[in-house]
Amino acid sequence: MVNRKESEFNVLVVDDHPQTAVGIATILDNEGFKTFEAYNRDDAIEICEEKKIDLVIIDEKTELGECLKEKKILITSYEEVPKEKIKRLKNLAGIVKKPVDAEELLPVVRKVLRL
């Protein structure tokens, strides 16, 4: 199998606070990932239908995970994610604490995408 580079991965960042989504996307953009941003559930679903998304980074409060069963999901959260939510998300790849910083986010993203 050929190893892919960061620039070959599409990551969707979903958060209802635009500055948070932009901040996370900027961290990933600076490392060469191709990012898309959505600020609500409907826009996120539309982007996933239109683009080949490899990873969705989503705010824990956004009820979207069940709609994206075939996508890898990384949750961001200020507090502990409820166990029942974790059990429902069979495609959950990880959890990153907010506020998100590059030193925490990038190793998790690279591990999930097997870089």
N, C-alpha and C. Protein backbone atom coordinates (compact mmCIF):
# COMPACT_ATOMS: atom_id res chain seq x y z
N MET A 1 0.83 -1.18 0.00
CA MET A 1 0.00 0.00 0.00
C MET A 1 0.89 1.26 0.00
N VAL A 2 0.56 2.20 -0.84
CA VAL A 2 1.31 3.45 -0.95
C VAL A 2 0.88 4.39 0.18
N ASN A 3 1.86 4.99 0.85
CA ASN A 3 1.54 5.95 1.90
C ASN A 3 1.04 7.25 1.27
N ARG A 4 -0.01 7.79 1.84
CA ARG A 4 -0.55 9.06 1.37
C ARG A 4 0.05 10.19 2.20
N LYS A 5 0.16 11.36 1.58
CA LYS A 5 0.64 12.55 2.27
C LYS A 5 -0.56 13.34 2.79
N GLU A 6 -0.29 14.25 3.72
CA GLU A 6 -1.34 15.07 4.30
C GLU A 6 -2.20 15.74 3.23
N SER A 7 -1.57 16.22 2.17
CA SER A 7 -2.29 16.96 1.13
C SER A 7 -3.30 16.09 0.37
N GLU A 8 -3.23 14.79 0.56
CA GLU A 8 -4.15 13.88 -0.13
C GLU A 8 -5.37 13.55 0.72
N PHE A 9 -5.47 14.13 1.92
CA PHE A 9 -6.59 13.85 2.82
C PHE A 9 -7.51 15.06 2.93
N ASN A 10 -8.81 14.80 2.86
CA ASN A 10 -9.83 15.82 3.04
C ASN A 10 -10.44 15.68 4.43
N VAL A 11 -10.43 16.78 5.18
CA VAL A 11 -10.94 16.78 6.55
C VAL A 11 -12.04 17.83 6.66
N LEU A 12 -13.18 17.42 7.17
CA LEU A 12 -14.29 18.32 7.42
C LEU A 12 -14.31 18.67 8.90
N VAL A 13 -14.34 19.97 9.20
CA VAL A 13 -14.41 20.45 10.58
C VAL A 13 -15.79 21.04 10.79
N VAL A 14 -16.53 20.49 11.80
CA VAL A 14 -17.89 20.93 12.07
C VAL A 14 -17.97 21.48 13.48
N ASP A 15 -18.35 22.75 13.58
CA ASP A 15 -18.55 23.37 14.89
C ASP A 15 -19.48 24.55 14.69
N ASP A 16 -20.43 24.74 15.61
CA ASP A 16 -21.37 25.84 15.47
C ASP A 16 -20.76 27.19 15.83
N HIS A 17 -19.54 27.19 16.33
CA HIS A 17 -18.79 28.42 16.57
C HIS A 17 -17.77 28.56 15.43
N PRO A 18 -18.03 29.45 14.48
CA PRO A 18 -17.13 29.56 13.32
C PRO A 18 -15.66 29.76 13.69
N GLN A 19 -15.37 30.55 14.73
CA GLN A 19 -13.97 30.78 15.07
C GLN A 19 -13.28 29.49 15.52
N THR A 20 -14.03 28.58 16.15
CA THR A 20 -13.45 27.30 16.55
C THR A 20 -13.17 26.44 15.32
N ALA A 21 -14.13 26.38 14.41
CA ALA A 21 -13.94 25.60 13.18
C ALA A 21 -12.78 26.14 12.36
N VAL A 22 -12.70 27.46 12.25
CA VAL A 22 -11.61 28.08 11.49
C VAL A 22 -10.27 27.80 12.17
N GLY A 23 -10.23 27.86 13.49
CA GLY A 23 -8.98 27.59 14.22
C GLY A 23 -8.48 26.18 13.98
N ILE A 24 -9.38 25.21 14.08
CA ILE A 24 -8.99 23.81 13.86
C ILE A 24 -8.57 23.61 12.40
N ALA A 25 -9.35 24.17 11.47
CA ALA A 25 -9.02 24.04 10.05
C ALA A 25 -7.66 24.67 9.75
N THR A 26 -7.35 25.79 10.38
CA THR A 26 -6.07 26.47 10.15
C THR A 26 -4.90 25.60 10.60
N ILE A 27 -5.05 24.94 11.75
CA ILE A 27 -4.00 24.02 12.23
C ILE A 27 -3.74 22.96 11.16
N LEU A 28 -4.81 22.40 10.63
CA LEU A 28 -4.67 21.33 9.63
C LEU A 28 -4.17 21.86 8.30
N ASP A 29 -4.68 23.03 7.88
CA ASP A 29 -4.22 23.65 6.63
C ASP A 29 -2.71 23.89 6.67
N ASN A 30 -2.22 24.36 7.81
CA ASN A 30 -0.79 24.65 7.95
C ASN A 30 0.08 23.40 7.82
N GLU A 31 -0.51 22.24 8.01
CA GLU A 31 0.21 20.97 7.86
C GLU A 31 -0.02 20.33 6.49
N GLY A 32 -0.81 20.99 5.65
CA GLY A 32 -1.01 20.51 4.28
C GLY A 32 -2.30 19.76 4.02
N PHE A 33 -3.12 19.55 5.05
CA PHE A 33 -4.40 18.88 4.84
C PHE A 33 -5.34 19.79 4.05
N LYS A 34 -6.23 19.20 3.29
CA LYS A 34 -7.30 19.94 2.61
C LYS A 34 -8.49 19.94 3.55
N THR A 35 -8.95 21.13 3.95
CA THR A 35 -10.03 21.20 4.92
C THR A 35 -11.27 21.88 4.36
N PHE A 36 -12.39 21.50 4.95
CA PHE A 36 -13.69 22.10 4.67
C PHE A 36 -14.30 22.42 6.03
N GLU A 37 -15.11 23.46 6.08
CA GLU A 37 -15.75 23.86 7.33
C GLU A 37 -17.26 23.87 7.17
N ALA A 38 -17.92 23.46 8.23
CA ALA A 38 -19.39 23.55 8.29
C ALA A 38 -19.76 24.01 9.69
N TYR A 39 -20.81 24.81 9.77
CA TYR A 39 -21.21 25.37 11.05
C TYR A 39 -22.55 24.82 11.53
N ASN A 40 -23.11 23.88 10.77
CA ASN A 40 -24.35 23.23 11.18
C ASN A 40 -24.45 21.86 10.52
N ARG A 41 -25.40 21.09 11.01
CA ARG A 41 -25.60 19.70 10.59
C ARG A 41 -25.88 19.58 9.09
N ASP A 42 -26.79 20.40 8.58
CA ASP A 42 -27.18 20.29 7.18
C ASP A 42 -26.02 20.58 6.23
N ASP A 43 -25.24 21.62 6.53
CA ASP A 43 -24.09 21.94 5.68
C ASP A 43 -23.05 20.82 5.74
N ALA A 44 -22.86 20.24 6.92
CA ALA A 44 -21.90 19.14 7.06
C ALA A 44 -22.31 17.94 6.20
N ILE A 45 -23.58 17.60 6.25
CA ILE A 45 -24.08 16.47 5.44
C ILE A 45 -23.91 16.76 3.96
N GLU A 46 -24.20 17.98 3.55
CA GLU A 46 -24.06 18.36 2.14
C GLU A 46 -22.61 18.24 1.68
N ILE A 47 -21.68 18.74 2.48
CA ILE A 47 -20.27 18.65 2.11
C ILE A 47 -19.84 17.19 2.01
N CYS A 48 -20.28 16.36 2.95
CA CYS A 48 -19.92 14.93 2.91
C CYS A 48 -20.48 14.24 1.67
N GLU A 49 -21.61 14.69 1.21
CA GLU A 49 -22.20 14.10 0.00
C GLU A 49 -21.48 14.57 -1.26
N GLU A 50 -20.93 15.79 -1.24
CA GLU A 50 -20.30 16.36 -2.42
C GLU A 50 -18.81 16.06 -2.53
N LYS A 51 -18.14 15.90 -1.41
CA LYS A 51 -16.68 15.72 -1.39
C LYS A 51 -16.33 14.35 -0.83
N LYS A 52 -15.13 13.90 -1.16
CA LYS A 52 -14.62 12.67 -0.55
C LYS A 52 -13.93 13.09 0.75
N ILE A 53 -14.62 12.90 1.86
CA ILE A 53 -14.10 13.30 3.16
C ILE A 53 -13.50 12.08 3.85
N ASP A 54 -12.25 12.21 4.29
CA ASP A 54 -11.56 11.11 4.96
C ASP A 54 -11.78 11.12 6.47
N LEU A 55 -12.00 12.30 7.04
CA LEU A 55 -12.16 12.44 8.48
C LEU A 55 -13.07 13.62 8.77
N VAL A 56 -13.98 13.43 9.73
CA VAL A 56 -14.85 14.51 10.19
C VAL A 56 -14.46 14.82 11.63
N ILE A 57 -14.10 16.07 11.88
CA ILE A 57 -13.82 16.53 13.23
C ILE A 57 -15.04 17.33 13.65
N ILE A 58 -15.69 16.88 14.70
CA ILE A 58 -17.00 17.41 15.03
C ILE A 58 -17.12 17.76 16.51
N ASP A 59 -17.78 18.87 16.78
CA ASP A 59 -18.06 19.24 18.16
C ASP A 59 -18.99 18.20 18.78
N GLU A 60 -18.72 17.82 20.00
CA GLU A 60 -19.47 16.77 20.69
C GLU A 60 -20.96 17.08 20.76
N LYS A 61 -21.33 18.33 20.82
CA LYS A 61 -22.73 18.70 20.96
C LYS A 61 -23.52 18.60 19.65
N THR A 62 -22.81 18.49 18.53
CA THR A 62 -23.47 18.39 17.23
C THR A 62 -23.93 16.96 17.01
N GLU A 63 -25.21 16.78 16.82
CA GLU A 63 -25.77 15.44 16.59
C GLU A 63 -25.67 15.10 15.11
N LEU A 64 -24.53 14.59 14.74
CA LEU A 64 -24.28 14.31 13.34
C LEU A 64 -23.68 12.93 13.11
N GLY A 65 -23.04 12.40 14.12
CA GLY A 65 -22.30 11.16 13.97
C GLY A 65 -23.08 10.02 13.35
N GLU A 66 -24.34 9.88 13.74
CA GLU A 66 -25.14 8.78 13.22
C GLU A 66 -25.41 8.92 11.73
N CYS A 67 -25.32 10.15 11.20
CA CYS A 67 -25.55 10.39 9.78
C CYS A 67 -24.34 10.04 8.92
N LEU A 68 -23.21 9.89 9.56
CA LEU A 68 -21.95 9.68 8.83
C LEU A 68 -21.33 8.34 9.18
N LYS A 69 -22.10 7.31 9.09
CA LYS A 69 -21.66 5.98 9.53
C LYS A 69 -20.39 5.50 8.82
N GLU A 70 -20.19 5.91 7.57
CA GLU A 70 -19.03 5.42 6.83
C GLU A 70 -17.80 6.32 6.98
N LYS A 71 -17.92 7.42 7.70
CA LYS A 71 -16.81 8.35 7.88
C LYS A 71 -16.14 8.15 9.23
N LYS A 72 -14.84 8.34 9.27
CA LYS A 72 -14.13 8.35 10.56
C LYS A 72 -14.47 9.66 11.25
N ILE A 73 -14.74 9.59 12.55
CA ILE A 73 -15.13 10.77 13.30
C ILE A 73 -14.18 10.98 14.47
N LEU A 74 -13.77 12.24 14.63
CA LEU A 74 -12.99 12.68 15.77
C LEU A 74 -13.83 13.74 16.48
N ILE A 75 -14.10 13.54 17.75
CA ILE A 75 -14.93 14.47 18.51
C ILE A 75 -14.05 15.46 19.27
N THR A 76 -14.50 16.73 19.30
CA THR A 76 -13.88 17.73 20.16
C THR A 76 -14.88 18.09 21.25
N SER A 77 -14.37 18.27 22.47
CA SER A 77 -15.28 18.54 23.59
C SER A 77 -14.55 19.21 24.74
N TYR A 78 -15.26 20.12 25.44
CA TYR A 78 -14.72 20.74 26.64
C TYR A 78 -14.82 19.82 27.84
N GLU A 79 -15.79 18.93 27.81
CA GLU A 79 -16.00 18.04 28.96
C GLU A 79 -16.01 16.59 28.50
N GLU A 80 -16.12 15.69 29.43
CA GLU A 80 -16.13 14.26 29.10
C GLU A 80 -17.34 13.91 28.24
N VAL A 81 -17.10 13.14 27.20
CA VAL A 81 -18.17 12.72 26.30
C VAL A 81 -18.93 11.58 26.96
N PRO A 82 -20.28 11.67 27.00
CA PRO A 82 -21.07 10.61 27.63
C PRO A 82 -20.81 9.25 27.00
N LYS A 83 -20.71 8.23 27.86
CA LYS A 83 -20.41 6.87 27.39
C LYS A 83 -21.45 6.36 26.40
N GLU A 84 -22.72 6.72 26.60
CA GLU A 84 -23.75 6.24 25.67
C GLU A 84 -23.55 6.82 24.27
N LYS A 85 -23.03 8.04 24.18
CA LYS A 85 -22.74 8.62 22.87
C LYS A 85 -21.57 7.89 22.22
N ILE A 86 -20.56 7.59 22.99
CA ILE A 86 -19.40 6.86 22.46
C ILE A 86 -19.84 5.49 21.93
N LYS A 87 -20.70 4.81 22.65
CA LYS A 87 -21.18 3.49 22.21
C LYS A 87 -21.96 3.57 20.91
N ARG A 88 -22.73 4.66 20.73
CA ARG A 88 -23.54 4.83 19.51
C ARG A 88 -22.68 5.07 18.27
N LEU A 89 -21.53 5.67 18.46
CA LEU A 89 -20.67 6.03 17.33
C LEU A 89 -19.66 4.93 17.05
N LYS A 90 -20.04 4.00 16.25
CA LYS A 90 -19.17 2.86 15.92
C LYS A 90 -17.93 3.32 15.14
N ASN A 91 -18.03 4.46 14.47
CA ASN A 91 -16.93 4.96 13.66
C ASN A 91 -16.11 6.03 14.38
N LEU A 92 -16.27 6.14 15.70
CA LEU A 92 -15.52 7.11 16.48
C LEU A 92 -14.04 6.72 16.50
N ALA A 93 -13.20 7.65 16.03
CA ALA A 93 -11.77 7.37 15.95
C ALA A 93 -10.99 7.99 17.11
N GLY A 94 -11.58 8.95 17.81
CA GLY A 94 -10.88 9.57 18.92
C GLY A 94 -11.60 10.79 19.45
N ILE A 95 -11.08 11.31 20.56
CA ILE A 95 -11.63 12.49 21.21
C ILE A 95 -10.48 13.43 21.54
N VAL A 96 -10.66 14.71 21.24
CA VAL A 96 -9.66 15.73 21.54
C VAL A 96 -10.34 16.78 22.41
N LYS A 97 -9.67 17.14 23.49
CA LYS A 97 -10.20 18.16 24.41
C LYS A 97 -10.11 19.55 23.81
N LYS A 98 -11.13 20.35 24.08
CA LYS A 98 -11.12 21.77 23.73
C LYS A 98 -10.58 22.55 24.91
N PRO A 99 -9.98 23.69 24.71
CA PRO A 99 -9.63 24.25 23.40
C PRO A 99 -8.57 23.41 22.70
N VAL A 100 -8.76 23.23 21.41
CA VAL A 100 -7.90 22.36 20.61
C VAL A 100 -6.60 23.09 20.28
N ASP A 101 -5.49 22.40 20.48
CA ASP A 101 -4.21 22.97 20.06
C ASP A 101 -3.49 21.97 19.15
N ALA A 102 -2.56 22.49 18.38
CA ALA A 102 -1.88 21.69 17.37
C ALA A 102 -1.14 20.50 17.96
N GLU A 103 -0.51 20.68 19.11
CA GLU A 103 0.27 19.60 19.72
C GLU A 103 -0.58 18.41 20.11
N GLU A 104 -1.83 18.65 20.43
CA GLU A 104 -2.74 17.56 20.77
C GLU A 104 -3.44 17.00 19.54
N LEU A 105 -3.87 17.89 18.66
CA LEU A 105 -4.68 17.50 17.51
C LEU A 105 -3.90 16.71 16.46
N LEU A 106 -2.76 17.22 16.05
CA LEU A 106 -2.06 16.63 14.91
C LEU A 106 -1.65 15.17 15.11
N PRO A 107 -1.12 14.77 16.27
CA PRO A 107 -0.79 13.34 16.43
C PRO A 107 -2.03 12.44 16.33
N VAL A 108 -3.15 12.91 16.85
CA VAL A 108 -4.37 12.10 16.80
C VAL A 108 -4.85 11.98 15.35
N VAL A 109 -4.88 13.09 14.63
CA VAL A 109 -5.31 13.06 13.23
C VAL A 109 -4.40 12.15 12.41
N ARG A 110 -3.11 12.28 12.59
CA ARG A 110 -2.17 11.44 11.81
C ARG A 110 -2.33 9.95 12.16
N LYS A 111 -2.60 9.66 13.42
CA LYS A 111 -2.81 8.26 13.82
C LYS A 111 -4.08 7.72 13.17
N VAL A 112 -5.15 8.50 13.22
CA VAL A 112 -6.44 8.07 12.65
C VAL A 112 -6.29 7.82 11.15
N LEU A 113 -5.56 8.72 10.48
CA LEU A 113 -5.39 8.61 9.03
C LEU A 113 -4.21 7.73 8.64
N ARG A 114 -3.53 7.16 9.66
CA ARG A 114 -2.40 6.26 9.47
C ARG A 114 -1.25 6.89 8.71
N LEU A 115 -0.89 8.09 9.14
CA LEU A 115 0.25 8.81 8.51
C LEU A 115 1.50 8.59 9.34
